[in-house]
Amino acid sequence: MPTGNYEIQGKKLPSATQVIGRFKNAIGLIIWSNQLGLKGLNYFDELKKAGDTGTKLHDLAELFILKKEYELPDDPIAIHCFQQFIEWWKSLDCEVIWTEKKYTSKKLNVGGCPDLLVKKDGKYILVDFKTSKAVYSDMLIQLSCYAELIKENDGIEIDRAVIVRFPKDDDETEIKKFFKDDLAVGLKQFKLLRKAFDLDKDLNKILKGKK
């Protein structure tokens, strides 16, 4: 999985995830944190485990798609998610355009790294993998930003975006499909969040300068 900063002409850019995460509804995390506390578990430790599982799934999925060798991790939950991925992937019939490609945008002043682009029946389909407990609106906003990054850099119009959620428990794989009208709404919201992201930094500077 590509890592590192996003830059344009030496200027560091925030990632789409950073922008969206700054204004993400935290109620779900607060409830989860409380549940962990009642069980005597550390929130930050469990949050890291959840993030690590997602990263492992993405890495394994990319290697599998590219038909490269891979080694299963010592993480039964990641293996469980990966098995779901394999079952889902084998049911598809599409052309792989690329996996894990980094982009930057002068128009949106942001960077991002979409998971997967495929082509089927002449249509470009953007795919995003998740291991979360549900599919949330911020995921659609993220995909909308990614679709715009692809259009700006490669001139490719995304016809459909798909979120494929591989649950960590025994729930079934969940697939949500979004079309151009859906992505247009998500992009409007992202542009508002991008402006708010810069304003938020300006507000913090003002507060730090006050005595």
N, C-alpha and C. Protein backbone atom coordinates (compact mmCIF):
# COMPACT_ATOMS: atom_id res chain seq x y z
N MET A 1 0.84 -1.19 0.00
CA MET A 1 0.00 0.00 0.00
C MET A 1 0.87 1.24 0.00
N PRO A 2 0.66 2.17 -0.95
CA PRO A 2 1.47 3.38 -1.00
C PRO A 2 1.33 4.20 0.28
N THR A 3 2.44 4.76 0.72
CA THR A 3 2.42 5.61 1.90
C THR A 3 3.19 6.89 1.59
N GLY A 4 3.21 7.80 2.55
CA GLY A 4 3.97 9.02 2.36
C GLY A 4 3.07 10.22 2.23
N ASN A 5 3.69 11.38 2.11
CA ASN A 5 2.96 12.63 2.04
C ASN A 5 2.49 12.92 0.63
N TYR A 6 1.55 13.84 0.53
CA TYR A 6 1.08 14.33 -0.76
C TYR A 6 1.59 15.76 -0.93
N GLU A 7 2.21 16.01 -2.06
CA GLU A 7 2.78 17.34 -2.30
C GLU A 7 2.57 17.78 -3.75
N ILE A 8 2.45 19.09 -3.92
CA ILE A 8 2.44 19.70 -5.25
C ILE A 8 3.44 20.85 -5.22
N GLN A 9 4.47 20.72 -6.03
CA GLN A 9 5.54 21.73 -6.10
C GLN A 9 6.09 22.08 -4.71
N GLY A 10 6.33 21.04 -3.93
CA GLY A 10 6.92 21.21 -2.61
C GLY A 10 5.95 21.61 -1.51
N LYS A 11 4.69 21.86 -1.87
CA LYS A 11 3.69 22.23 -0.88
C LYS A 11 2.95 20.99 -0.40
N LYS A 12 2.98 20.76 0.90
CA LYS A 12 2.33 19.59 1.47
C LYS A 12 0.81 19.76 1.46
N LEU A 13 0.13 18.69 1.06
CA LEU A 13 -1.33 18.70 1.00
C LEU A 13 -1.92 17.74 2.03
N PRO A 14 -3.09 18.05 2.54
CA PRO A 14 -3.77 17.08 3.40
C PRO A 14 -4.34 15.96 2.54
N SER A 15 -4.56 14.81 3.13
CA SER A 15 -5.21 13.73 2.40
C SER A 15 -6.72 13.89 2.51
N ALA A 16 -7.43 13.25 1.60
CA ALA A 16 -8.89 13.28 1.66
C ALA A 16 -9.38 12.72 2.98
N THR A 17 -8.70 11.69 3.48
CA THR A 17 -9.07 11.08 4.75
C THR A 17 -8.91 12.06 5.91
N GLN A 18 -7.84 12.84 5.89
CA GLN A 18 -7.61 13.84 6.94
C GLN A 18 -8.71 14.90 6.94
N VAL A 19 -9.05 15.37 5.76
CA VAL A 19 -10.06 16.41 5.64
C VAL A 19 -11.41 15.92 6.17
N ILE A 20 -11.81 14.74 5.71
CA ILE A 20 -13.11 14.20 6.11
C ILE A 20 -13.11 13.83 7.59
N GLY A 21 -11.99 13.25 8.04
CA GLY A 21 -11.91 12.81 9.44
C GLY A 21 -11.98 13.95 10.43
N ARG A 22 -11.55 15.16 10.00
CA ARG A 22 -11.57 16.31 10.90
C ARG A 22 -12.99 16.66 11.34
N PHE A 23 -13.98 16.35 10.50
CA PHE A 23 -15.36 16.72 10.80
C PHE A 23 -16.28 15.50 10.92
N LYS A 24 -15.67 14.34 11.11
CA LYS A 24 -16.45 13.10 11.19
C LYS A 24 -17.26 13.04 12.47
N ASN A 25 -18.47 12.54 12.35
CA ASN A 25 -19.33 12.35 13.52
C ASN A 25 -18.69 11.32 14.45
N ALA A 26 -18.40 11.72 15.69
CA ALA A 26 -17.66 10.87 16.61
C ALA A 26 -18.54 10.09 17.57
N ILE A 27 -19.85 10.17 17.39
CA ILE A 27 -20.75 9.50 18.33
C ILE A 27 -20.50 7.99 18.38
N GLY A 28 -20.33 7.40 17.19
CA GLY A 28 -20.09 5.96 17.14
C GLY A 28 -18.82 5.57 17.88
N LEU A 29 -17.76 6.36 17.70
CA LEU A 29 -16.49 6.09 18.39
C LEU A 29 -16.62 6.26 19.90
N ILE A 30 -17.41 7.25 20.31
CA ILE A 30 -17.62 7.49 21.75
C ILE A 30 -18.34 6.30 22.38
N ILE A 31 -19.36 5.80 21.69
CA ILE A 31 -20.09 4.64 22.20
C ILE A 31 -19.18 3.42 22.27
N TRP A 32 -18.40 3.22 21.21
CA TRP A 32 -17.47 2.09 21.16
C TRP A 32 -16.43 2.20 22.27
N SER A 33 -15.91 3.41 22.46
CA SER A 33 -14.92 3.64 23.51
C SER A 33 -15.49 3.30 24.89
N ASN A 34 -16.74 3.69 25.12
CA ASN A 34 -17.39 3.40 26.40
C ASN A 34 -17.55 1.90 26.60
N GLN A 35 -17.93 1.20 25.54
CA GLN A 35 -18.10 -0.25 25.62
C GLN A 35 -16.77 -0.95 25.93
N LEU A 36 -15.70 -0.45 25.31
CA LEU A 36 -14.38 -1.01 25.58
C LEU A 36 -13.98 -0.78 27.03
N GLY A 37 -14.27 0.43 27.53
CA GLY A 37 -13.94 0.74 28.92
C GLY A 37 -14.66 -0.17 29.89
N LEU A 38 -15.90 -0.48 29.60
CA LEU A 38 -16.68 -1.37 30.47
C LEU A 38 -16.09 -2.79 30.48
N LYS A 39 -15.42 -3.14 29.38
CA LYS A 39 -14.78 -4.46 29.29
C LYS A 39 -13.35 -4.44 29.81
N GLY A 40 -12.88 -3.27 30.22
CA GLY A 40 -11.51 -3.16 30.72
C GLY A 40 -10.47 -3.11 29.63
N LEU A 41 -10.88 -2.73 28.40
CA LEU A 41 -9.95 -2.67 27.27
C LEU A 41 -9.54 -1.23 27.01
N ASN A 42 -8.32 -1.05 26.50
CA ASN A 42 -7.80 0.27 26.20
C ASN A 42 -8.25 0.72 24.82
N TYR A 43 -8.86 1.89 24.75
CA TYR A 43 -9.42 2.41 23.49
C TYR A 43 -8.35 2.54 22.41
N PHE A 44 -7.21 3.13 22.75
CA PHE A 44 -6.18 3.39 21.75
C PHE A 44 -5.56 2.10 21.24
N ASP A 45 -5.41 1.12 22.13
CA ASP A 45 -4.88 -0.18 21.70
C ASP A 45 -5.84 -0.85 20.72
N GLU A 46 -7.12 -0.81 21.05
CA GLU A 46 -8.12 -1.46 20.19
C GLU A 46 -8.28 -0.72 18.87
N LEU A 47 -8.16 0.61 18.91
CA LEU A 47 -8.25 1.40 17.69
C LEU A 47 -7.10 1.05 16.74
N LYS A 48 -5.91 0.88 17.31
CA LYS A 48 -4.75 0.51 16.50
C LYS A 48 -4.93 -0.88 15.89
N LYS A 49 -5.48 -1.80 16.69
CA LYS A 49 -5.71 -3.16 16.18
C LYS A 49 -6.67 -3.13 15.00
N ALA A 50 -7.72 -2.32 15.14
CA ALA A 50 -8.71 -2.22 14.06
C ALA A 50 -8.07 -1.66 12.80
N GLY A 51 -7.23 -0.62 12.96
CA GLY A 51 -6.54 -0.03 11.82
C GLY A 51 -5.57 -0.99 11.18
N ASP A 52 -4.86 -1.76 12.02
CA ASP A 52 -3.90 -2.73 11.50
C ASP A 52 -4.60 -3.82 10.69
N THR A 53 -5.76 -4.25 11.17
CA THR A 53 -6.52 -5.27 10.46
C THR A 53 -6.93 -4.77 9.08
N GLY A 54 -7.40 -3.53 9.01
CA GLY A 54 -7.78 -2.95 7.73
C GLY A 54 -6.61 -2.84 6.77
N THR A 55 -5.46 -2.44 7.31
CA THR A 55 -4.25 -2.32 6.48
C THR A 55 -3.82 -3.68 5.93
N LYS A 56 -3.86 -4.70 6.79
CA LYS A 56 -3.49 -6.05 6.35
C LYS A 56 -4.41 -6.55 5.25
N LEU A 57 -5.70 -6.29 5.42
CA LEU A 57 -6.67 -6.71 4.40
C LEU A 57 -6.38 -6.03 3.07
N HIS A 58 -6.12 -4.74 3.09
CA HIS A 58 -5.82 -4.01 1.86
C HIS A 58 -4.55 -4.54 1.19
N ASP A 59 -3.52 -4.81 1.99
CA ASP A 59 -2.26 -5.31 1.44
C ASP A 59 -2.45 -6.69 0.81
N LEU A 60 -3.16 -7.57 1.50
CA LEU A 60 -3.41 -8.91 0.99
C LEU A 60 -4.26 -8.87 -0.28
N ALA A 61 -5.28 -8.02 -0.28
CA ALA A 61 -6.17 -7.91 -1.44
C ALA A 61 -5.39 -7.45 -2.67
N GLU A 62 -4.51 -6.46 -2.47
CA GLU A 62 -3.73 -5.95 -3.60
C GLU A 62 -2.81 -7.04 -4.17
N LEU A 63 -2.14 -7.77 -3.29
CA LEU A 63 -1.25 -8.83 -3.75
C LEU A 63 -2.03 -9.92 -4.49
N PHE A 64 -3.22 -10.23 -3.98
CA PHE A 64 -4.05 -11.25 -4.61
C PHE A 64 -4.51 -10.80 -6.00
N ILE A 65 -4.95 -9.56 -6.10
CA ILE A 65 -5.42 -9.02 -7.38
C ILE A 65 -4.29 -9.01 -8.40
N LEU A 66 -3.09 -8.66 -7.96
CA LEU A 66 -1.93 -8.60 -8.86
C LEU A 66 -1.27 -9.95 -9.07
N LYS A 67 -1.86 -10.99 -8.47
CA LYS A 67 -1.37 -12.37 -8.60
C LYS A 67 0.08 -12.50 -8.13
N LYS A 68 0.37 -11.84 -7.02
CA LYS A 68 1.69 -11.92 -6.41
C LYS A 68 1.64 -12.80 -5.17
N GLU A 69 2.80 -13.26 -4.74
CA GLU A 69 2.86 -14.10 -3.56
C GLU A 69 2.52 -13.29 -2.31
N TYR A 70 1.89 -13.95 -1.37
CA TYR A 70 1.56 -13.29 -0.11
C TYR A 70 1.67 -14.29 1.04
N GLU A 71 1.80 -13.75 2.22
CA GLU A 71 1.89 -14.57 3.43
C GLU A 71 0.81 -14.12 4.40
N LEU A 72 0.03 -15.05 4.87
CA LEU A 72 -1.06 -14.71 5.79
C LEU A 72 -0.49 -14.22 7.12
N PRO A 73 -1.08 -13.17 7.69
CA PRO A 73 -0.59 -12.62 8.96
C PRO A 73 -1.08 -13.44 10.15
N ASP A 74 -0.51 -13.17 11.32
CA ASP A 74 -0.98 -13.81 12.55
C ASP A 74 -2.13 -13.00 13.13
N ASP A 75 -3.13 -12.83 12.34
CA ASP A 75 -4.29 -12.04 12.72
C ASP A 75 -5.53 -12.74 12.18
N PRO A 76 -6.23 -13.52 13.02
CA PRO A 76 -7.38 -14.29 12.55
C PRO A 76 -8.49 -13.43 11.96
N ILE A 77 -8.64 -12.21 12.45
CA ILE A 77 -9.69 -11.33 11.93
C ILE A 77 -9.33 -10.87 10.52
N ALA A 78 -8.05 -10.52 10.31
CA ALA A 78 -7.60 -10.12 8.98
C ALA A 78 -7.76 -11.28 7.99
N ILE A 79 -7.44 -12.48 8.44
CA ILE A 79 -7.58 -13.66 7.59
C ILE A 79 -9.05 -13.89 7.24
N HIS A 80 -9.93 -13.71 8.23
CA HIS A 80 -11.37 -13.86 8.02
C HIS A 80 -11.86 -12.87 6.96
N CYS A 81 -11.43 -11.62 7.07
CA CYS A 81 -11.82 -10.59 6.09
C CYS A 81 -11.26 -10.92 4.71
N PHE A 82 -10.02 -11.41 4.67
CA PHE A 82 -9.37 -11.75 3.41
C PHE A 82 -10.08 -12.91 2.72
N GLN A 83 -10.55 -13.88 3.47
CA GLN A 83 -11.29 -15.00 2.90
C GLN A 83 -12.59 -14.52 2.26
N GLN A 84 -13.22 -13.54 2.90
CA GLN A 84 -14.42 -12.94 2.31
C GLN A 84 -14.08 -12.24 1.00
N PHE A 85 -12.93 -11.54 1.03
CA PHE A 85 -12.50 -10.84 -0.18
C PHE A 85 -12.29 -11.81 -1.33
N ILE A 86 -11.60 -12.91 -1.08
CA ILE A 86 -11.31 -13.90 -2.13
C ILE A 86 -12.62 -14.42 -2.74
N GLU A 87 -13.57 -14.74 -1.88
CA GLU A 87 -14.86 -15.25 -2.36
C GLU A 87 -15.56 -14.21 -3.24
N TRP A 88 -15.51 -12.95 -2.79
CA TRP A 88 -16.13 -11.87 -3.58
C TRP A 88 -15.39 -11.67 -4.89
N TRP A 89 -14.07 -11.62 -4.85
CA TRP A 89 -13.27 -11.34 -6.03
C TRP A 89 -13.43 -12.40 -7.11
N LYS A 90 -13.51 -13.64 -6.70
CA LYS A 90 -13.63 -14.73 -7.66
C LYS A 90 -14.98 -14.73 -8.37
N SER A 91 -15.94 -13.99 -7.82
CA SER A 91 -17.27 -13.91 -8.45
C SER A 91 -17.31 -12.83 -9.53
N LEU A 92 -16.24 -12.05 -9.65
CA LEU A 92 -16.22 -10.94 -10.59
C LEU A 92 -15.63 -11.34 -11.94
N ASP A 93 -15.96 -10.56 -12.95
CA ASP A 93 -15.39 -10.72 -14.27
C ASP A 93 -15.14 -9.32 -14.82
N CYS A 94 -13.94 -8.79 -14.56
CA CYS A 94 -13.66 -7.41 -14.96
C CYS A 94 -12.18 -7.25 -15.27
N GLU A 95 -11.85 -6.14 -15.90
CA GLU A 95 -10.47 -5.80 -16.22
C GLU A 95 -9.91 -4.90 -15.12
N VAL A 96 -8.76 -5.26 -14.58
CA VAL A 96 -8.12 -4.44 -13.56
C VAL A 96 -7.32 -3.34 -14.24
N ILE A 97 -7.62 -2.09 -13.92
CA ILE A 97 -6.88 -0.95 -14.48
C ILE A 97 -5.67 -0.65 -13.60
N TRP A 98 -5.88 -0.55 -12.29
CA TRP A 98 -4.77 -0.38 -11.34
C TRP A 98 -5.26 -0.64 -9.93
N THR A 99 -4.30 -0.82 -9.03
CA THR A 99 -4.60 -0.92 -7.60
C THR A 99 -3.75 0.11 -6.85
N GLU A 100 -4.32 0.68 -5.79
CA GLU A 100 -3.60 1.57 -4.87
C GLU A 100 -2.77 2.64 -5.61
N LYS A 101 -3.44 3.56 -6.25
CA LYS A 101 -2.74 4.60 -7.00
C LYS A 101 -2.86 5.95 -6.31
N LYS A 102 -1.72 6.62 -6.11
CA LYS A 102 -1.70 7.90 -5.42
C LYS A 102 -1.97 9.05 -6.40
N TYR A 103 -2.75 10.03 -5.92
CA TYR A 103 -3.08 11.20 -6.72
C TYR A 103 -2.96 12.47 -5.88
N THR A 104 -2.75 13.58 -6.58
CA THR A 104 -2.88 14.89 -5.96
C THR A 104 -3.76 15.74 -6.88
N SER A 105 -4.40 16.74 -6.28
CA SER A 105 -5.30 17.58 -7.05
C SER A 105 -5.02 19.05 -6.80
N LYS A 106 -4.80 19.80 -7.90
CA LYS A 106 -4.64 21.25 -7.78
C LYS A 106 -5.99 21.92 -7.55
N LYS A 107 -7.04 21.33 -8.12
CA LYS A 107 -8.38 21.91 -7.98
C LYS A 107 -8.91 21.79 -6.55
N LEU A 108 -8.74 20.61 -5.97
CA LEU A 108 -9.25 20.37 -4.63
C LEU A 108 -8.20 20.63 -3.55
N ASN A 109 -6.95 20.77 -4.00
CA ASN A 109 -5.84 21.02 -3.06
C ASN A 109 -5.76 19.91 -2.00
N VAL A 110 -5.70 18.68 -2.50
CA VAL A 110 -5.77 17.52 -1.61
C VAL A 110 -5.10 16.32 -2.29
N GLY A 111 -4.77 15.30 -1.51
CA GLY A 111 -4.22 14.07 -2.06
C GLY A 111 -5.07 12.88 -1.65
N GLY A 112 -4.88 11.77 -2.35
CA GLY A 112 -5.65 10.57 -2.01
C GLY A 112 -5.12 9.35 -2.72
N CYS A 113 -5.47 8.19 -2.19
CA CYS A 113 -5.01 6.93 -2.76
C CYS A 113 -6.17 5.93 -2.82
N PRO A 114 -6.90 5.92 -3.93
CA PRO A 114 -8.01 4.97 -4.09
C PRO A 114 -7.51 3.53 -4.09
N ASP A 115 -8.39 2.60 -3.72
CA ASP A 115 -8.01 1.19 -3.62
C ASP A 115 -7.88 0.49 -4.98
N LEU A 116 -8.90 0.65 -5.82
CA LEU A 116 -8.95 -0.19 -7.02
C LEU A 116 -9.83 0.45 -8.10
N LEU A 117 -9.35 0.38 -9.33
CA LEU A 117 -10.14 0.80 -10.49
C LEU A 117 -10.25 -0.37 -11.45
N VAL A 118 -11.46 -0.71 -11.83
CA VAL A 118 -11.69 -1.80 -12.78
C VAL A 118 -12.58 -1.30 -13.91
N LYS A 119 -12.64 -2.09 -14.97
CA LYS A 119 -13.47 -1.75 -16.11
C LYS A 119 -14.31 -2.96 -16.50
N LYS A 120 -15.59 -2.74 -16.67
CA LYS A 120 -16.50 -3.83 -17.03
C LYS A 120 -17.55 -3.30 -18.00
N ASP A 121 -17.71 -3.97 -19.11
CA ASP A 121 -18.68 -3.58 -20.13
C ASP A 121 -18.49 -2.12 -20.55
N GLY A 122 -17.22 -1.70 -20.65
CA GLY A 122 -16.91 -0.36 -21.09
C GLY A 122 -17.09 0.72 -20.03
N LYS A 123 -17.44 0.33 -18.81
CA LYS A 123 -17.68 1.27 -17.72
C LYS A 123 -16.55 1.21 -16.69
N TYR A 124 -16.14 2.39 -16.21
CA TYR A 124 -15.11 2.44 -15.18
C TYR A 124 -15.76 2.41 -13.80
N ILE A 125 -15.27 1.49 -12.98
CA ILE A 125 -15.84 1.28 -11.65
C ILE A 125 -14.76 1.46 -10.60
N LEU A 126 -14.97 2.38 -9.69
CA LEU A 126 -14.05 2.65 -8.59
C LEU A 126 -14.49 1.82 -7.38
N VAL A 127 -13.54 1.08 -6.81
CA VAL A 127 -13.87 0.17 -5.71
C VAL A 127 -13.08 0.53 -4.46
N ASP A 128 -13.76 0.49 -3.32
CA ASP A 128 -13.11 0.79 -2.05
C ASP A 128 -13.43 -0.33 -1.06
N PHE A 129 -12.41 -0.82 -0.37
CA PHE A 129 -12.58 -1.90 0.59
C PHE A 129 -12.68 -1.34 2.01
N LYS A 130 -13.60 -1.89 2.80
CA LYS A 130 -13.76 -1.46 4.18
C LYS A 130 -13.90 -2.68 5.09
N THR A 131 -13.46 -2.51 6.35
CA THR A 131 -13.65 -3.56 7.36
C THR A 131 -14.41 -3.00 8.56
N SER A 132 -15.08 -1.88 8.35
CA SER A 132 -15.82 -1.21 9.42
C SER A 132 -17.10 -1.98 9.77
N LYS A 133 -17.80 -1.48 10.79
CA LYS A 133 -19.04 -2.15 11.23
C LYS A 133 -20.22 -1.82 10.33
N ALA A 134 -20.10 -0.76 9.55
CA ALA A 134 -21.17 -0.35 8.65
C ALA A 134 -20.59 0.52 7.55
N VAL A 135 -21.42 0.88 6.59
CA VAL A 135 -21.05 1.83 5.55
C VAL A 135 -21.63 3.19 5.93
N TYR A 136 -20.77 4.20 6.02
CA TYR A 136 -21.18 5.51 6.49
C TYR A 136 -21.10 6.55 5.37
N SER A 137 -21.76 7.68 5.58
CA SER A 137 -21.82 8.72 4.55
C SER A 137 -20.44 9.28 4.21
N ASP A 138 -19.53 9.32 5.20
CA ASP A 138 -18.20 9.87 4.92
C ASP A 138 -17.44 9.00 3.91
N MET A 139 -17.81 7.74 3.79
CA MET A 139 -17.17 6.86 2.81
C MET A 139 -17.57 7.24 1.39
N LEU A 140 -18.83 7.63 1.23
CA LEU A 140 -19.28 8.11 -0.07
C LEU A 140 -18.58 9.43 -0.42
N ILE A 141 -18.42 10.30 0.57
CA ILE A 141 -17.72 11.57 0.35
C ILE A 141 -16.29 11.30 -0.11
N GLN A 142 -15.63 10.34 0.54
CA GLN A 142 -14.26 9.98 0.19
C GLN A 142 -14.19 9.47 -1.25
N LEU A 143 -15.10 8.58 -1.61
CA LEU A 143 -15.12 8.04 -2.98
C LEU A 143 -15.38 9.13 -4.01
N SER A 144 -16.22 10.09 -3.65
CA SER A 144 -16.52 11.19 -4.56
C SER A 144 -15.27 12.02 -4.83
N CYS A 145 -14.48 12.24 -3.78
CA CYS A 145 -13.21 12.96 -3.94
C CYS A 145 -12.27 12.16 -4.82
N TYR A 146 -12.17 10.87 -4.59
CA TYR A 146 -11.29 10.02 -5.38
C TYR A 146 -11.69 10.03 -6.87
N ALA A 147 -12.99 9.99 -7.12
CA ALA A 147 -13.46 10.02 -8.51
C ALA A 147 -13.02 11.30 -9.20
N GLU A 148 -13.06 12.40 -8.45
CA GLU A 148 -12.63 13.69 -9.02
C GLU A 148 -11.12 13.73 -9.24
N LEU A 149 -10.35 13.11 -8.34
CA LEU A 149 -8.90 13.03 -8.51
C LEU A 149 -8.55 12.26 -9.79
N ILE A 150 -9.25 11.17 -10.01
CA ILE A 150 -9.00 10.35 -11.20
C ILE A 150 -9.35 11.12 -12.47
N LYS A 151 -10.48 11.82 -12.43
CA LYS A 151 -10.92 12.60 -13.59
C LYS A 151 -9.92 13.71 -13.91
N GLU A 152 -9.45 14.40 -12.87
CA GLU A 152 -8.52 15.52 -13.08
C GLU A 152 -7.17 15.05 -13.62
N ASN A 153 -6.67 13.94 -13.11
CA ASN A 153 -5.34 13.48 -13.48
C ASN A 153 -5.31 12.59 -14.72
N ASP A 154 -6.30 11.71 -14.85
CA ASP A 154 -6.27 10.72 -15.93
C ASP A 154 -7.32 10.95 -17.00
N GLY A 155 -8.24 11.89 -16.76
CA GLY A 155 -9.30 12.13 -17.73
C GLY A 155 -10.31 11.01 -17.81
N ILE A 156 -10.38 10.19 -16.76
CA ILE A 156 -11.31 9.06 -16.73
C ILE A 156 -12.55 9.44 -15.93
N GLU A 157 -13.70 9.27 -16.53
CA GLU A 157 -14.98 9.55 -15.87
C GLU A 157 -15.45 8.27 -15.17
N ILE A 158 -15.62 8.34 -13.87
CA ILE A 158 -16.08 7.18 -13.12
C ILE A 158 -17.58 7.00 -13.31
N ASP A 159 -17.97 5.82 -13.78
CA ASP A 159 -19.38 5.53 -14.03
C ASP A 159 -20.10 5.02 -12.78
N ARG A 160 -19.35 4.32 -11.95
CA ARG A 160 -19.94 3.76 -10.74
C ARG A 160 -18.86 3.58 -9.68
N ALA A 161 -19.23 3.81 -8.44
CA ALA A 161 -18.32 3.57 -7.32
C ALA A 161 -18.96 2.53 -6.41
N VAL A 162 -18.12 1.66 -5.88
CA VAL A 162 -18.62 0.57 -5.06
C VAL A 162 -17.83 0.46 -3.76
N ILE A 163 -18.54 0.38 -2.66
CA ILE A 163 -17.91 0.08 -1.37
C ILE A 163 -18.20 -1.37 -1.05
N VAL A 164 -17.14 -2.13 -0.82
CA VAL A 164 -17.29 -3.53 -0.44
C VAL A 164 -16.80 -3.67 1.00
N ARG A 165 -17.72 -4.00 1.88
CA ARG A 165 -17.39 -4.10 3.32
C ARG A 165 -17.26 -5.56 3.71
N PHE A 166 -16.09 -5.90 4.25
CA PHE A 166 -15.82 -7.25 4.72
C PHE A 166 -15.86 -7.24 6.25
N PRO A 167 -16.96 -7.66 6.84
CA PRO A 167 -17.14 -7.58 8.30
C PRO A 167 -16.12 -8.42 9.06
N LYS A 168 -15.79 -7.95 10.26
CA LYS A 168 -14.85 -8.68 11.11
C LYS A 168 -15.54 -9.79 11.88
N ASP A 169 -16.88 -9.76 11.89
CA ASP A 169 -17.64 -10.80 12.59
C ASP A 169 -18.21 -11.76 11.55
N ASP A 170 -19.34 -12.39 11.86
CA ASP A 170 -19.92 -13.39 10.97
C ASP A 170 -20.96 -12.82 10.02
N ASP A 171 -21.09 -11.50 9.96
CA ASP A 171 -22.02 -10.90 9.01
C ASP A 171 -21.56 -11.16 7.58
N GLU A 172 -22.48 -11.05 6.65
CA GLU A 172 -22.16 -11.28 5.25
C GLU A 172 -21.49 -10.04 4.63
N THR A 173 -20.72 -10.27 3.59
CA THR A 173 -20.09 -9.17 2.86
C THR A 173 -21.18 -8.21 2.37
N GLU A 174 -20.92 -6.91 2.57
CA GLU A 174 -21.91 -5.90 2.19
C GLU A 174 -21.38 -5.09 1.00
N ILE A 175 -22.24 -4.88 0.01
CA ILE A 175 -21.86 -4.13 -1.18
C ILE A 175 -22.82 -2.97 -1.39
N LYS A 176 -22.26 -1.76 -1.49
CA LYS A 176 -23.06 -0.57 -1.75
C LYS A 176 -22.59 0.05 -3.06
N LYS A 177 -23.52 0.30 -3.97
CA LYS A 177 -23.19 0.87 -5.27
C LYS A 177 -23.66 2.32 -5.35
N PHE A 178 -22.81 3.17 -5.90
CA PHE A 178 -23.12 4.59 -6.05
C PHE A 178 -22.89 5.01 -7.50
N PHE A 179 -23.78 5.87 -7.98
CA PHE A 179 -23.70 6.29 -9.38
C PHE A 179 -23.33 7.77 -9.48
N LYS A 180 -23.29 8.30 -10.69
CA LYS A 180 -22.76 9.65 -10.91
C LYS A 180 -23.50 10.70 -10.10
N ASP A 181 -24.82 10.60 -10.01
CA ASP A 181 -25.59 11.57 -9.23
C ASP A 181 -25.22 11.51 -7.75
N ASP A 182 -24.98 10.31 -7.25
CA ASP A 182 -24.59 10.13 -5.85
C ASP A 182 -23.22 10.76 -5.61
N LEU A 183 -22.30 10.52 -6.54
CA LEU A 183 -20.95 11.06 -6.41
C LEU A 183 -20.94 12.58 -6.48
N ALA A 184 -21.85 13.14 -7.27
CA ALA A 184 -21.93 14.59 -7.39
C ALA A 184 -22.32 15.23 -6.05
N VAL A 185 -23.23 14.59 -5.34
CA VAL A 185 -23.64 15.08 -4.01
C VAL A 185 -22.48 14.96 -3.03
N GLY A 186 -21.80 13.83 -3.07
CA GLY A 186 -20.65 13.62 -2.19
C GLY A 186 -19.55 14.63 -2.44
N LEU A 187 -19.31 14.97 -3.71
CA LEU A 187 -18.26 15.93 -4.05
C LEU A 187 -18.61 17.33 -3.54
N LYS A 188 -19.88 17.71 -3.61
CA LYS A 188 -20.31 19.01 -3.07
C LYS A 188 -19.97 19.09 -1.58
N GLN A 189 -20.25 18.01 -0.87
CA GLN A 189 -19.96 17.99 0.56
C GLN A 189 -18.46 18.04 0.82
N PHE A 190 -17.69 17.32 0.01
CA PHE A 190 -16.24 17.33 0.22
C PHE A 190 -15.67 18.73 0.02
N LYS A 191 -16.13 19.43 -1.00
CA LYS A 191 -15.62 20.78 -1.25
C LYS A 191 -15.91 21.71 -0.07
N LEU A 192 -17.07 21.54 0.56
CA LEU A 192 -17.39 22.33 1.75
C LEU A 192 -16.45 21.98 2.90
N LEU A 193 -16.20 20.68 3.08
CA LEU A 193 -15.31 20.24 4.14
C LEU A 193 -13.87 20.71 3.91
N ARG A 194 -13.48 20.75 2.62
CA ARG A 194 -12.12 21.20 2.31
C ARG A 194 -11.93 22.66 2.70
N LYS A 195 -12.94 23.48 2.42
CA LYS A 195 -12.88 24.90 2.82
C LYS A 195 -12.87 25.02 4.34
N ALA A 196 -13.72 24.23 4.99
CA ALA A 196 -13.81 24.27 6.44
C ALA A 196 -12.50 23.81 7.09
N PHE A 197 -11.80 22.90 6.44
CA PHE A 197 -10.53 22.40 6.95
C PHE A 197 -9.51 23.53 7.08
N ASP A 198 -9.41 24.37 6.05
CA ASP A 198 -8.49 25.50 6.09
C ASP A 198 -8.95 26.56 7.10
N LEU A 199 -10.24 26.81 7.14
CA LEU A 199 -10.77 27.79 8.09
C LEU A 199 -10.54 27.34 9.53
N ASP A 200 -10.64 26.06 9.74
CA ASP A 200 -10.43 25.51 11.09
C ASP A 200 -8.98 25.75 11.53
N LYS A 201 -8.04 25.59 10.61
CA LYS A 201 -6.64 25.86 10.93
C LYS A 201 -6.44 27.34 11.25
N ASP A 202 -7.11 28.21 10.47
CA ASP A 202 -7.01 29.65 10.73
C ASP A 202 -7.57 30.01 12.09
N LEU A 203 -8.67 29.38 12.47
CA LEU A 203 -9.28 29.64 13.77
C LEU A 203 -8.36 29.21 14.90
N ASN A 204 -7.71 28.08 14.72
CA ASN A 204 -6.78 27.61 15.75
C ASN A 204 -5.59 28.54 15.91
N LYS A 205 -5.13 29.12 14.79
CA LYS A 205 -4.03 30.09 14.86
C LYS A 205 -4.45 31.33 15.62
N ILE A 206 -5.70 31.76 15.39
CA ILE A 206 -6.22 32.93 16.09
C ILE A 206 -6.29 32.68 17.59
N LEU A 207 -6.77 31.49 17.94
CA LEU A 207 -6.89 31.14 19.35
C LEU A 207 -5.53 31.07 20.05
N LYS A 208 -4.55 30.51 19.34
CA LYS A 208 -3.21 30.40 19.93
C LYS A 208 -2.56 31.77 20.11
N GLY A 209 -2.96 32.73 19.31
CA GLY A 209 -2.37 34.06 19.41
C GLY A 209 -3.02 34.95 20.46
N LYS A 210 -4.15 34.46 21.03
CA LYS A 210 -4.85 35.24 22.03
C LYS A 210 -4.33 34.94 23.43
N LYS A 211 -4.29 35.96 24.28
CA LYS A 211 -3.84 35.76 25.67
C LYS A 211 -4.98 36.07 26.63
